[in-house]
Amino acid sequence: MRLKKVVLLFPPCMVKTFGKNGGDGTSTEKTLAPPLGILYLASELIAAGYDVDTYDFNAEQYSRERLVKCLAGADLAGISVMSFNLKEACGIIADSNQLFPDLPVIAGGPDLILRPRYIEGTAAVVCHEAETIIVPLVRALIDGGALGDVPGIIYKNGDGEVCYGPPFNPVMNLDTIRFPRRALLRYHKGYSVIGRHRGSKVTTLITSRGCPKRCRFCAHGAVSYRCYRQRSAENVLAEIAAIVHDGFEVIGIVDDNFTADKKRALAILRGIKAMNTRLSIAVQGRVDAADEELFAAMREAGVKAITFGLESGNQDVLDYYEKGSSVEENAAAIRMADRAGLYTGGIFILGAPFEGREHFERTYRFAAHLPLDITTFWVLDYAFGSPLWEEARKKGIVRDGETIVPAGRERGTQQYPTEELVKLCERYFFRYYRRPSYWLRQLMKCLRVRDRYLVMVFFAGAKFLIVRKMVLMAERKPN
């Protein structure tokens, strides 16, 4: 007897860019690693007896012809919806409806948790974390069950009325969730972590959901029910052992804040060290957890890089964002991580309402005086679900239906236009990396740390900057 087939799709992610003469456009966001969400759901469905295929159109080219091949023989299709791929997700739903009129399509993902609503063309929408919802939903649609009994969904009944399933209760014990079925997405050469393309050897891992902190610009808390949940160190180590067994070599730990619980983080790191693996790992953390013991444990476990949200070199801006950290703490954490031999990354945001040129320049100088190996500058976004977005909504700055609004004079949130802020971020980016002192320090660090992975990142970074600069120069040539 043929197993019922479910196809799970991750749409391409598009980001807005500013082109020549102030024009705007979109470009495909570079994929880094396989999307975990659909792999978690695949694991639940396979355990329930379904045949599952997964496709990542952020890593391979999307076309209607390709969609026909992906959905051939499918009994149901699922689409992952993020705020930044909403348009593309809706396009795939529309294409699926036209190409396979009788195929039920469901949608779910972070954007629908943030803004629960029905999406036209779907048989149902999942508006919560879907691991415990996906199997009863698929059974109802494929095997003829009652949609009204499935919690956490929105659907239309036979009369075309929008209906809601019973209330949903989030899973508090994350150890009960099955590990993602990573083998389903191992064919893309484009996947990379810490700057190196390793194809099927790259994966991601999430050990907690949410963050105990409440930064004003961050919308992640709204997606995670304002509730910080952790997996046990034992459960995480069991998954890492499975990852190693399956032949993966590079892991990006994608927690919002891996270092939130230092005791648990140390237990995980020491457990990885005891496995005696050759993993290369990247993590994200906060400066308030930084200390010599933690960074030494990271290095011994195979952590190559750690990224911090530093945000600004101005204390008044950090206070405005309610970061709960100081400029001095930011600097101390970066220097400490660098001494431990970790590849350090810092993210900076420009565009708080009261920021001017002096603030921006102070942030750049702060970044330039730190031993940062990777530095990025972004324009502040008012993201749906964040405290800043909610404040802006009450003031009428953002409009109904908008999910991400960049800071700028156009909305009265900044004294400079958004385009000028974008260009300033770009100038700071190249100004930072074209300094001879940066490349000398990179060379000295390679000699000091003697890590083959970091040496390869050094050359990959140099190549990227050269190519990116050439592309920008070509774009700006007069027609």
Protein backbone atom coordinates (compact mmCIF):
# COMPACT_ATOMS: atom_id res chain seq x y z
CA MET A 1 0.00 0.00 0.00
CA ARG A 2 1.38 3.42 -0.99
CA LEU A 3 2.16 5.79 1.84
CA LYS A 4 0.41 9.14 1.67
CA LYS A 5 2.90 11.75 0.50
CA VAL A 6 3.43 15.18 2.07
CA VAL A 7 5.71 17.76 0.42
CA LEU A 8 7.10 20.58 2.58
CA LEU A 9 8.46 23.70 0.84
CA PHE A 10 10.59 26.61 2.04
CA PRO A 11 10.15 29.62 -0.29
CA PRO A 12 12.96 31.88 -1.52
CA CYS A 13 13.72 34.76 0.83
CA MET A 14 13.82 38.21 -0.78
CA VAL A 15 15.32 41.32 0.77
CA LYS A 16 14.79 44.94 -0.26
CA THR A 17 17.82 46.75 -1.62
CA PHE A 18 18.41 50.29 -2.84
CA GLY A 19 19.62 50.60 -6.37
CA LYS A 20 21.07 53.36 -8.51
CA ASN A 21 19.58 56.83 -8.39
CA GLY A 22 17.54 55.99 -5.30
CA GLY A 23 15.52 53.28 -7.02
CA ASP A 24 14.63 50.21 -5.06
CA GLY A 25 14.40 46.55 -5.89
CA THR A 26 14.68 43.09 -4.45
CA SER A 27 17.42 40.52 -4.44
CA THR A 28 17.61 36.94 -3.23
CA GLU A 29 19.02 36.60 0.25
CA LYS A 30 22.03 34.29 0.39
CA THR A 31 21.19 30.98 1.99
CA LEU A 32 23.36 29.84 4.89
CA ALA A 33 21.96 26.57 6.21
CA PRO A 34 18.98 24.23 5.85
CA PRO A 35 15.70 25.54 7.33
CA LEU A 36 15.06 23.61 10.54
CA GLY A 37 11.30 24.21 10.71
CA ILE A 38 10.22 21.94 7.87
CA LEU A 39 12.74 19.30 8.99
CA TYR A 40 11.17 19.20 12.47
CA LEU A 41 7.74 18.71 10.88
CA ALA A 42 9.07 16.06 8.51
CA SER A 43 10.28 14.06 11.50
CA GLU A 44 6.82 14.10 13.10
CA LEU A 45 5.10 13.11 9.85
CA ILE A 46 7.51 10.28 9.07
CA ALA A 47 7.02 8.90 12.58
CA ALA A 48 3.26 8.96 11.91
CA GLY A 49 3.66 6.87 8.75
CA TYR A 50 3.73 9.47 5.97
CA ASP A 51 6.15 9.72 3.05
CA VAL A 52 7.78 13.19 3.16
CA ASP A 53 9.80 15.24 0.68
CA THR A 54 11.31 18.65 1.50
CA TYR A 55 12.58 21.37 -0.83
CA ASP A 56 14.44 24.59 0.00
CA PHE A 57 13.84 27.23 -2.67
CA ASN A 58 16.13 29.58 -0.83
CA ALA A 59 18.94 27.26 -1.90
CA GLU A 60 17.74 26.13 -5.32
CA GLN A 61 16.08 28.09 -8.11
CA TYR A 62 12.29 28.28 -7.94
CA SER A 63 10.14 27.91 -11.04
CA ARG A 64 6.67 26.63 -11.84
CA GLU A 65 8.30 23.81 -13.80
CA ARG A 66 10.31 22.81 -10.75
CA LEU A 67 7.20 23.02 -8.57
CA VAL A 68 5.39 20.58 -10.87
CA LYS A 69 8.15 18.03 -10.34
CA CYS A 70 8.24 18.62 -6.58
CA LEU A 71 4.49 18.16 -6.13
CA ALA A 72 4.07 15.21 -8.48
CA GLY A 73 2.27 12.44 -6.59
CA ALA A 74 1.76 14.56 -3.48
CA ASP A 75 -1.33 14.22 -1.30
CA LEU A 76 -0.70 17.50 0.54
CA ALA A 77 1.72 20.44 0.35
CA GLY A 78 2.97 22.59 3.22
CA ILE A 79 4.49 26.07 2.83
CA SER A 80 6.71 27.77 5.43
CA VAL A 81 5.90 31.48 5.80
CA MET A 82 8.36 34.05 7.17
CA SER A 83 7.82 37.80 7.26
CA PHE A 84 10.53 38.28 4.64
CA ASN A 85 9.27 35.60 2.24
CA LEU A 86 5.53 36.26 2.53
CA LYS A 87 5.13 37.43 -1.06
CA GLU A 88 7.06 34.46 -2.40
CA ALA A 89 5.14 32.03 -0.18
CA CYS A 90 1.80 33.38 -1.41
CA GLY A 91 3.09 33.05 -4.97
CA ILE A 92 3.89 29.37 -4.43
CA ILE A 93 0.45 28.81 -2.90
CA ALA A 94 -1.18 30.43 -5.95
CA ASP A 95 0.97 28.38 -8.34
CA SER A 96 0.11 25.18 -6.46
CA ASN A 97 -3.62 25.96 -6.67
CA GLN A 98 -3.38 26.54 -10.44
CA LEU A 99 -1.17 23.55 -11.22
CA PHE A 100 -2.83 21.09 -8.81
CA PRO A 101 -6.38 22.34 -8.12
CA ASP A 102 -7.30 19.32 -5.97
CA LEU A 103 -4.15 19.33 -3.85
CA PRO A 104 -4.72 20.68 -0.31
CA VAL A 105 -2.15 23.29 0.69
CA ILE A 106 -1.39 24.32 4.27
CA ALA A 107 0.78 27.18 5.54
CA GLY A 108 2.54 27.90 8.80
CA GLY A 109 5.60 29.59 10.21
CA PRO A 110 6.78 32.57 12.28
CA ASP A 111 4.85 35.20 10.32
CA LEU A 112 1.59 33.39 11.04
CA ILE A 113 2.44 33.08 14.72
CA LEU A 114 3.08 36.83 14.81
CA ARG A 115 -0.05 37.71 12.81
CA PRO A 116 -2.60 34.86 12.94
CA ARG A 117 -4.85 35.04 9.87
CA TYR A 118 -6.28 32.97 7.05
CA ILE A 119 -4.35 32.96 3.76
CA GLU A 120 -6.39 32.56 0.58
CA GLY A 121 -5.74 29.37 -1.32
CA THR A 122 -4.95 27.26 1.73
CA ALA A 123 -6.93 24.41 3.24
CA ALA A 124 -5.74 25.55 6.67
CA VAL A 125 -3.20 27.82 8.32
CA VAL A 126 -1.17 26.85 11.39
CA CYS A 127 -0.77 29.85 13.69
CA HIS A 128 1.42 28.26 16.37
CA GLU A 129 4.48 26.04 16.73
CA ALA A 130 3.48 23.14 14.53
CA GLU A 131 5.27 20.04 15.85
CA THR A 132 2.21 18.81 17.77
CA ILE A 133 -0.30 20.19 15.25
CA ILE A 134 1.03 18.90 11.94
CA VAL A 135 0.06 15.23 12.25
CA PRO A 136 -3.60 15.72 13.32
CA LEU A 137 -3.95 18.44 10.66
CA VAL A 138 -2.59 16.25 7.87
CA ARG A 139 -4.76 13.36 9.01
CA ALA A 140 -7.84 15.57 8.95
CA LEU A 141 -7.11 16.81 5.43
CA ILE A 142 -5.92 13.56 3.84
CA ASP A 143 -7.92 10.96 5.77
CA GLY A 144 -11.11 12.94 6.25
CA GLY A 145 -10.96 13.98 9.90
CA ALA A 146 -12.61 17.04 11.43
CA LEU A 147 -10.61 20.26 11.04
CA GLY A 148 -12.58 21.74 13.92
CA ASP A 149 -10.83 19.35 16.30
CA VAL A 150 -7.30 20.47 15.35
CA PRO A 151 -5.90 23.09 17.77
CA GLY A 152 -4.14 26.26 16.71
CA ILE A 153 -5.38 26.48 13.11
CA ILE A 154 -7.51 28.79 10.98
CA TYR A 155 -9.54 27.43 8.05
CA LYS A 156 -12.67 27.99 5.97
CA ASN A 157 -15.69 25.75 6.35
CA GLY A 158 -17.93 24.54 3.54
CA ASP A 159 -19.82 27.83 3.57
CA GLY A 160 -16.64 29.86 3.12
CA GLU A 161 -16.65 31.15 6.70
CA VAL A 162 -13.31 31.60 8.48
CA CYS A 163 -13.17 29.24 11.48
CA TYR A 164 -10.73 28.67 14.31
CA GLY A 165 -9.58 25.44 15.89
CA PRO A 166 -9.45 24.88 19.66
CA PRO A 167 -6.88 26.83 21.75
CA PHE A 168 -3.26 25.73 21.47
CA ASN A 169 -0.92 25.12 24.39
CA PRO A 170 2.81 25.51 23.59
CA VAL A 171 5.11 22.61 24.33
CA MET A 172 6.96 23.53 27.51
CA ASN A 173 9.20 20.45 27.65
CA LEU A 174 11.22 20.77 24.45
CA ASP A 175 12.93 17.43 25.12
CA THR A 176 9.71 15.71 23.98
CA ILE A 177 10.05 17.04 20.41
CA ARG A 178 11.69 14.72 17.89
CA PHE A 179 14.99 15.74 16.32
CA PRO A 180 14.69 17.26 12.82
CA ARG A 181 15.09 14.87 9.87
CA ARG A 182 18.25 16.47 8.48
CA ALA A 183 18.88 13.80 5.85
CA LEU A 184 16.07 15.28 3.75
CA LEU A 185 18.06 18.45 2.91
CA ARG A 186 21.66 17.44 2.32
CA TYR A 187 22.02 18.09 -1.38
CA HIS A 188 22.67 21.84 -1.60
CA LYS A 189 26.21 23.06 -2.21
CA GLY A 190 25.31 26.60 -1.15
CA TYR A 191 24.95 25.94 2.56
CA SER A 192 27.64 27.54 4.68
CA VAL A 193 28.40 28.56 8.26
CA ILE A 194 31.26 30.85 9.34
CA GLY A 195 31.99 31.80 5.77
CA ARG A 196 32.83 28.44 4.19
CA HIS A 197 30.70 26.50 1.74
CA ARG A 198 30.51 22.91 2.93
CA GLY A 199 27.35 21.72 1.17
CA SER A 200 25.86 18.63 2.78
CA LYS A 201 28.24 18.84 5.75
CA VAL A 202 26.51 21.93 7.18
CA THR A 203 23.53 21.97 9.51
CA THR A 204 21.93 24.07 12.21
CA LEU A 205 20.83 23.29 15.76
CA ILE A 206 18.49 25.07 18.16
CA THR A 207 18.81 24.31 21.87
CA SER A 208 16.27 26.80 23.24
CA ARG A 209 13.36 28.93 22.11
CA GLY A 210 13.00 32.59 22.91
CA CYS A 211 15.22 34.80 25.04
CA PRO A 212 14.87 35.98 28.65
CA LYS A 213 15.86 39.50 27.59
CA ARG A 214 13.45 42.06 26.13
CA CYS A 215 15.33 44.33 23.71
CA ARG A 216 12.90 46.90 22.29
CA PHE A 217 13.68 46.25 18.61
CA CYS A 218 13.40 42.45 18.81
CA ALA A 219 10.27 40.60 17.65
CA HIS A 220 11.49 37.10 18.53
CA GLY A 221 9.79 37.20 21.90
CA ALA A 222 6.39 37.50 20.24
CA VAL A 223 7.10 34.41 18.11
CA SER A 224 8.08 32.38 21.19
CA TYR A 225 5.08 33.40 23.32
CA ARG A 226 7.23 35.68 25.52
CA CYS A 227 8.37 32.46 27.14
CA TYR A 228 11.99 31.28 27.35
CA ARG A 229 12.26 27.49 27.09
CA GLN A 230 15.40 25.37 27.13
CA ARG A 231 16.22 21.84 26.15
CA SER A 232 18.23 19.86 28.66
CA ALA A 233 21.96 19.54 28.07
CA GLU A 234 21.51 15.75 27.81
CA ASN A 235 18.90 16.11 25.07
CA VAL A 236 21.07 18.56 23.11
CA LEU A 237 24.11 16.28 23.36
CA ALA A 238 22.06 13.32 22.12
CA GLU A 239 21.15 15.34 19.02
CA ILE A 240 24.76 16.42 18.49
CA ALA A 241 25.84 12.78 18.69
CA ALA A 242 23.28 11.99 15.96
CA ILE A 243 24.56 14.91 13.90
CA VAL A 244 28.13 13.60 14.13
CA HIS A 245 26.97 10.08 13.30
CA ASP A 246 25.26 11.39 10.16
CA GLY A 247 28.51 12.93 8.93
CA PHE A 248 27.88 16.64 9.49
CA GLU A 249 30.99 18.70 10.22
CA VAL A 250 29.75 22.27 10.69
CA ILE A 251 26.98 23.36 13.07
CA GLY A 252 25.40 26.76 13.46
CA ILE A 253 23.68 26.97 16.86
CA VAL A 254 20.86 29.37 16.05
CA ASP A 255 19.45 30.08 19.52
CA ASP A 256 18.56 33.72 20.09
CA ASN A 257 20.80 33.56 23.14
CA PHE A 258 22.84 30.36 23.60
CA THR A 259 24.64 31.82 26.63
CA ALA A 260 21.48 32.79 28.56
CA ASP A 261 22.06 29.93 31.02
CA LYS A 262 25.79 29.67 31.56
CA LYS A 263 25.59 26.44 33.58
CA ARG A 264 23.65 24.67 30.82
CA ALA A 265 25.91 26.13 28.09
CA LEU A 266 29.00 24.82 29.90
CA ALA A 267 27.43 21.38 30.28
CA ILE A 268 26.74 21.25 26.53
CA LEU A 269 30.21 22.50 25.59
CA ARG A 270 31.98 20.07 27.92
CA GLY A 271 29.82 17.24 26.60
CA ILE A 272 30.84 18.08 23.04
CA LYS A 273 34.50 18.14 24.07
CA ALA A 274 34.12 14.69 25.64
CA MET A 275 32.83 13.34 22.29
CA ASN A 276 36.25 14.15 20.81
CA THR A 277 34.74 15.30 17.52
CA ARG A 278 36.11 17.60 14.84
CA LEU A 279 33.05 19.79 14.66
CA SER A 280 33.27 23.45 13.69
CA ILE A 281 30.58 25.40 15.55
CA ALA A 282 29.22 28.95 15.47
CA VAL A 283 27.03 30.43 18.23
CA GLN A 284 25.23 33.65 19.16
CA GLY A 285 25.49 35.13 22.63
CA ARG A 286 25.20 38.18 24.85
CA VAL A 287 28.02 40.11 26.43
CA ASP A 288 26.57 39.85 29.93
CA ALA A 289 27.44 36.12 29.97
CA ALA A 290 31.02 36.62 28.84
CA ASP A 291 33.85 35.23 30.94
CA GLU A 292 37.14 33.41 30.48
CA GLU A 293 35.76 30.03 31.57
CA LEU A 294 32.89 30.08 29.06
CA PHE A 295 35.05 31.14 26.12
CA ALA A 296 37.73 28.57 26.96
CA ALA A 297 35.05 25.86 27.03
CA MET A 298 33.77 27.05 23.66
CA ARG A 299 37.19 26.86 22.11
CA GLU A 300 37.82 23.37 23.50
CA ALA A 301 34.45 22.17 22.17
CA GLY A 302 35.18 23.30 18.61
CA VAL A 303 33.36 26.63 18.62
CA LYS A 304 35.07 28.74 15.97
CA ALA A 305 32.93 31.86 16.02
CA ILE A 306 30.63 33.79 18.32
CA THR A 307 28.41 36.69 17.27
CA PHE A 308 27.15 39.42 19.58
CA GLY A 309 24.46 42.01 19.05
CA LEU A 310 26.52 45.03 20.11
CA GLU A 311 24.10 47.48 18.46
CA SER A 312 25.92 50.75 19.23
CA GLY A 313 29.00 52.48 20.58
CA ASN A 314 26.74 54.97 22.40
CA GLN A 315 25.42 54.25 25.87
CA ASP A 316 22.30 56.39 25.38
CA VAL A 317 21.37 54.26 22.36
CA LEU A 318 21.93 51.00 24.27
CA ASP A 319 19.73 52.35 27.06
CA TYR A 320 17.04 53.33 24.55
CA TYR A 321 17.03 49.78 23.18
CA GLU A 322 16.96 48.43 26.78
CA LYS A 323 19.88 46.15 26.01
CA GLY A 324 20.85 45.79 29.66
CA SER A 325 24.54 46.11 28.76
CA SER A 326 27.15 48.84 28.59
CA VAL A 327 29.61 49.95 25.94
CA GLU A 328 32.41 48.87 28.28
CA GLU A 329 30.90 45.38 28.67
CA ASN A 330 30.64 45.08 24.89
CA ALA A 331 34.30 45.91 24.44
CA ALA A 332 35.44 43.59 27.25
CA ALA A 333 33.48 40.63 25.83
CA ILE A 334 34.94 41.01 22.33
CA ARG A 335 38.50 41.29 23.63
CA MET A 336 38.00 38.29 25.91
CA ALA A 337 36.60 36.13 23.09
CA ASP A 338 39.44 37.20 20.80
CA ARG A 339 42.05 36.23 23.40
CA ALA A 340 40.39 32.82 23.66
CA GLY A 341 40.98 32.31 19.93
CA LEU A 342 37.36 32.67 18.84
CA TYR A 343 36.35 34.33 15.59
CA THR A 344 34.29 37.31 16.78
CA GLY A 345 31.30 38.96 15.11
CA GLY A 346 29.55 42.19 16.03
CA ILE A 347 26.24 43.52 14.75
CA PHE A 348 25.54 47.25 14.88
CA ILE A 349 22.28 49.09 14.28
CA LEU A 350 21.98 52.68 13.07
CA GLY A 351 18.82 54.74 13.24
CA ALA A 352 17.51 55.28 16.79
CA PRO A 353 15.23 58.35 16.71
CA PHE A 354 17.72 60.74 18.31
CA GLU A 355 20.87 59.45 16.58
CA GLY A 356 22.86 61.86 14.43
CA ARG A 357 26.19 61.86 12.64
CA GLU A 358 28.15 62.02 15.88
CA HIS A 359 26.37 58.91 17.17
CA PHE A 360 26.96 57.04 13.92
CA GLU A 361 30.63 57.98 13.76
CA ARG A 362 31.13 57.04 17.41
CA THR A 363 29.65 53.61 16.69
CA TYR A 364 31.97 53.14 13.72
CA ARG A 365 35.04 54.19 15.71
CA PHE A 366 34.02 51.85 18.53
CA ALA A 367 33.78 48.93 16.07
CA ALA A 368 37.09 49.84 14.41
CA HIS A 369 38.95 49.81 17.72
CA LEU A 370 37.72 46.32 18.67
CA PRO A 371 39.33 43.03 17.55
CA LEU A 372 36.22 42.09 15.57
CA ASP A 373 36.66 39.63 12.73
CA ILE A 374 33.19 40.17 11.25
CA THR A 375 31.31 43.45 11.49
CA THR A 376 27.97 44.39 9.97
CA PHE A 377 25.97 47.61 10.08
CA TRP A 378 22.18 47.61 9.64
CA VAL A 379 19.42 50.19 9.61
CA LEU A 380 17.02 49.91 12.55
CA ASP A 381 13.82 48.09 11.61
CA TYR A 382 10.47 48.50 13.32
CA ALA A 383 9.51 44.82 13.18
CA PHE A 384 5.99 43.57 13.80
CA GLY A 385 5.73 42.14 17.31
CA SER A 386 8.57 44.17 18.81
CA PRO A 387 7.99 46.81 21.51
CA LEU A 388 9.26 49.51 19.13
CA TRP A 389 6.76 48.46 16.46
CA GLU A 390 3.91 48.52 18.96
CA GLU A 391 4.88 52.01 20.12
CA ALA A 392 5.09 53.19 16.49
CA ARG A 393 1.69 51.65 15.72
CA LYS A 394 0.05 53.56 18.57
CA LYS A 395 1.54 56.76 17.19
CA GLY A 396 0.29 55.99 13.68
CA ILE A 397 3.83 55.67 12.28
CA VAL A 398 3.30 52.16 10.90
CA ARG A 399 0.19 51.15 9.00
CA ASP A 400 -2.06 48.13 9.10
CA GLY A 401 -0.60 45.27 7.09
CA GLU A 402 3.01 46.43 7.40
CA THR A 403 5.42 44.02 9.07
CA ILE A 404 8.84 45.68 8.75
CA VAL A 405 9.36 49.44 8.48
CA PRO A 406 12.94 50.78 8.35
CA ALA A 407 13.88 53.88 10.32
CA GLY A 408 13.91 57.04 8.26
CA ARG A 409 12.75 60.60 7.83
CA GLU A 410 9.89 59.37 5.65
CA ARG A 411 8.05 58.13 8.76
CA GLY A 412 9.39 60.70 11.18
CA THR A 413 11.49 58.13 13.04
CA GLN A 414 14.89 59.56 12.05
CA GLN A 415 16.34 62.83 10.81
CA TYR A 416 17.90 61.10 7.77
CA PRO A 417 16.07 59.32 4.91
CA THR A 418 16.16 55.53 4.92
CA GLU A 419 18.21 55.44 1.73
CA GLU A 420 20.89 57.63 3.27
CA LEU A 421 21.04 55.38 6.34
CA VAL A 422 21.40 52.34 4.08
CA LYS A 423 24.26 53.96 2.18
CA LEU A 424 25.92 54.99 5.42
CA CYS A 425 25.85 51.37 6.62
CA GLU A 426 27.40 50.32 3.33
CA ARG A 427 30.15 52.95 3.60
CA TYR A 428 30.97 51.91 7.14
CA PHE A 429 31.11 48.28 6.05
CA PHE A 430 33.74 48.89 3.38
CA ARG A 431 35.55 51.49 5.44
CA TYR A 432 35.96 48.88 8.18
CA TYR A 433 37.30 46.13 5.94
CA ARG A 434 39.60 48.16 3.72
CA ARG A 435 41.84 49.17 6.64
CA PRO A 436 45.33 47.63 6.36
CA SER A 437 45.34 47.27 10.16
CA TYR A 438 42.34 44.93 9.92
CA TRP A 439 44.04 42.57 7.47
CA LEU A 440 47.31 42.67 9.41
CA ARG A 441 45.43 41.71 12.57
CA GLN A 442 43.64 38.92 10.69
CA LEU A 443 46.96 37.53 9.51
CA MET A 444 48.43 37.73 13.01
CA LYS A 445 45.37 35.98 14.44
CA CYS A 446 45.69 33.15 11.93
CA LEU A 447 49.31 32.68 13.00
CA ARG A 448 48.40 32.90 16.69
CA VAL A 449 45.37 30.61 16.67
CA ARG A 450 46.67 28.22 14.00
CA ASP A 451 43.21 27.07 13.05
CA ARG A 452 42.81 25.79 9.50
CA TYR A 453 39.14 26.74 9.45
CA LEU A 454 39.87 30.36 10.35
CA VAL A 455 42.58 30.54 7.70
CA MET A 456 40.05 29.44 5.09
CA VAL A 457 37.56 32.01 6.39
CA PHE A 458 40.25 34.68 6.06
CA PHE A 459 40.69 33.98 2.34
CA ALA A 460 36.94 33.52 1.76
CA GLY A 461 36.32 36.91 3.39
CA ALA A 462 38.92 38.63 1.22
CA LYS A 463 37.42 37.10 -1.92
CA PHE A 464 33.89 38.16 -0.92
CA LEU A 465 34.91 41.77 -0.32
CA ILE A 466 36.69 42.04 -3.66
CA VAL A 467 33.74 40.58 -5.58
CA ARG A 468 31.17 42.65 -3.66
CA LYS A 469 33.10 45.88 -4.31
CA MET A 470 33.36 45.09 -8.01
CA VAL A 471 29.59 44.48 -8.19
CA LEU A 472 28.81 47.78 -6.44
CA MET A 473 31.17 49.70 -8.71
CA ALA A 474 29.52 48.16 -11.77
CA GLU A 475 26.07 49.07 -10.49
CA ARG A 476 27.07 52.69 -10.01
CA LYS A 477 28.61 53.23 -13.42
CA PRO A 478 26.63 55.81 -15.40
CA ASN A 479 24.43 54.31 -18.11
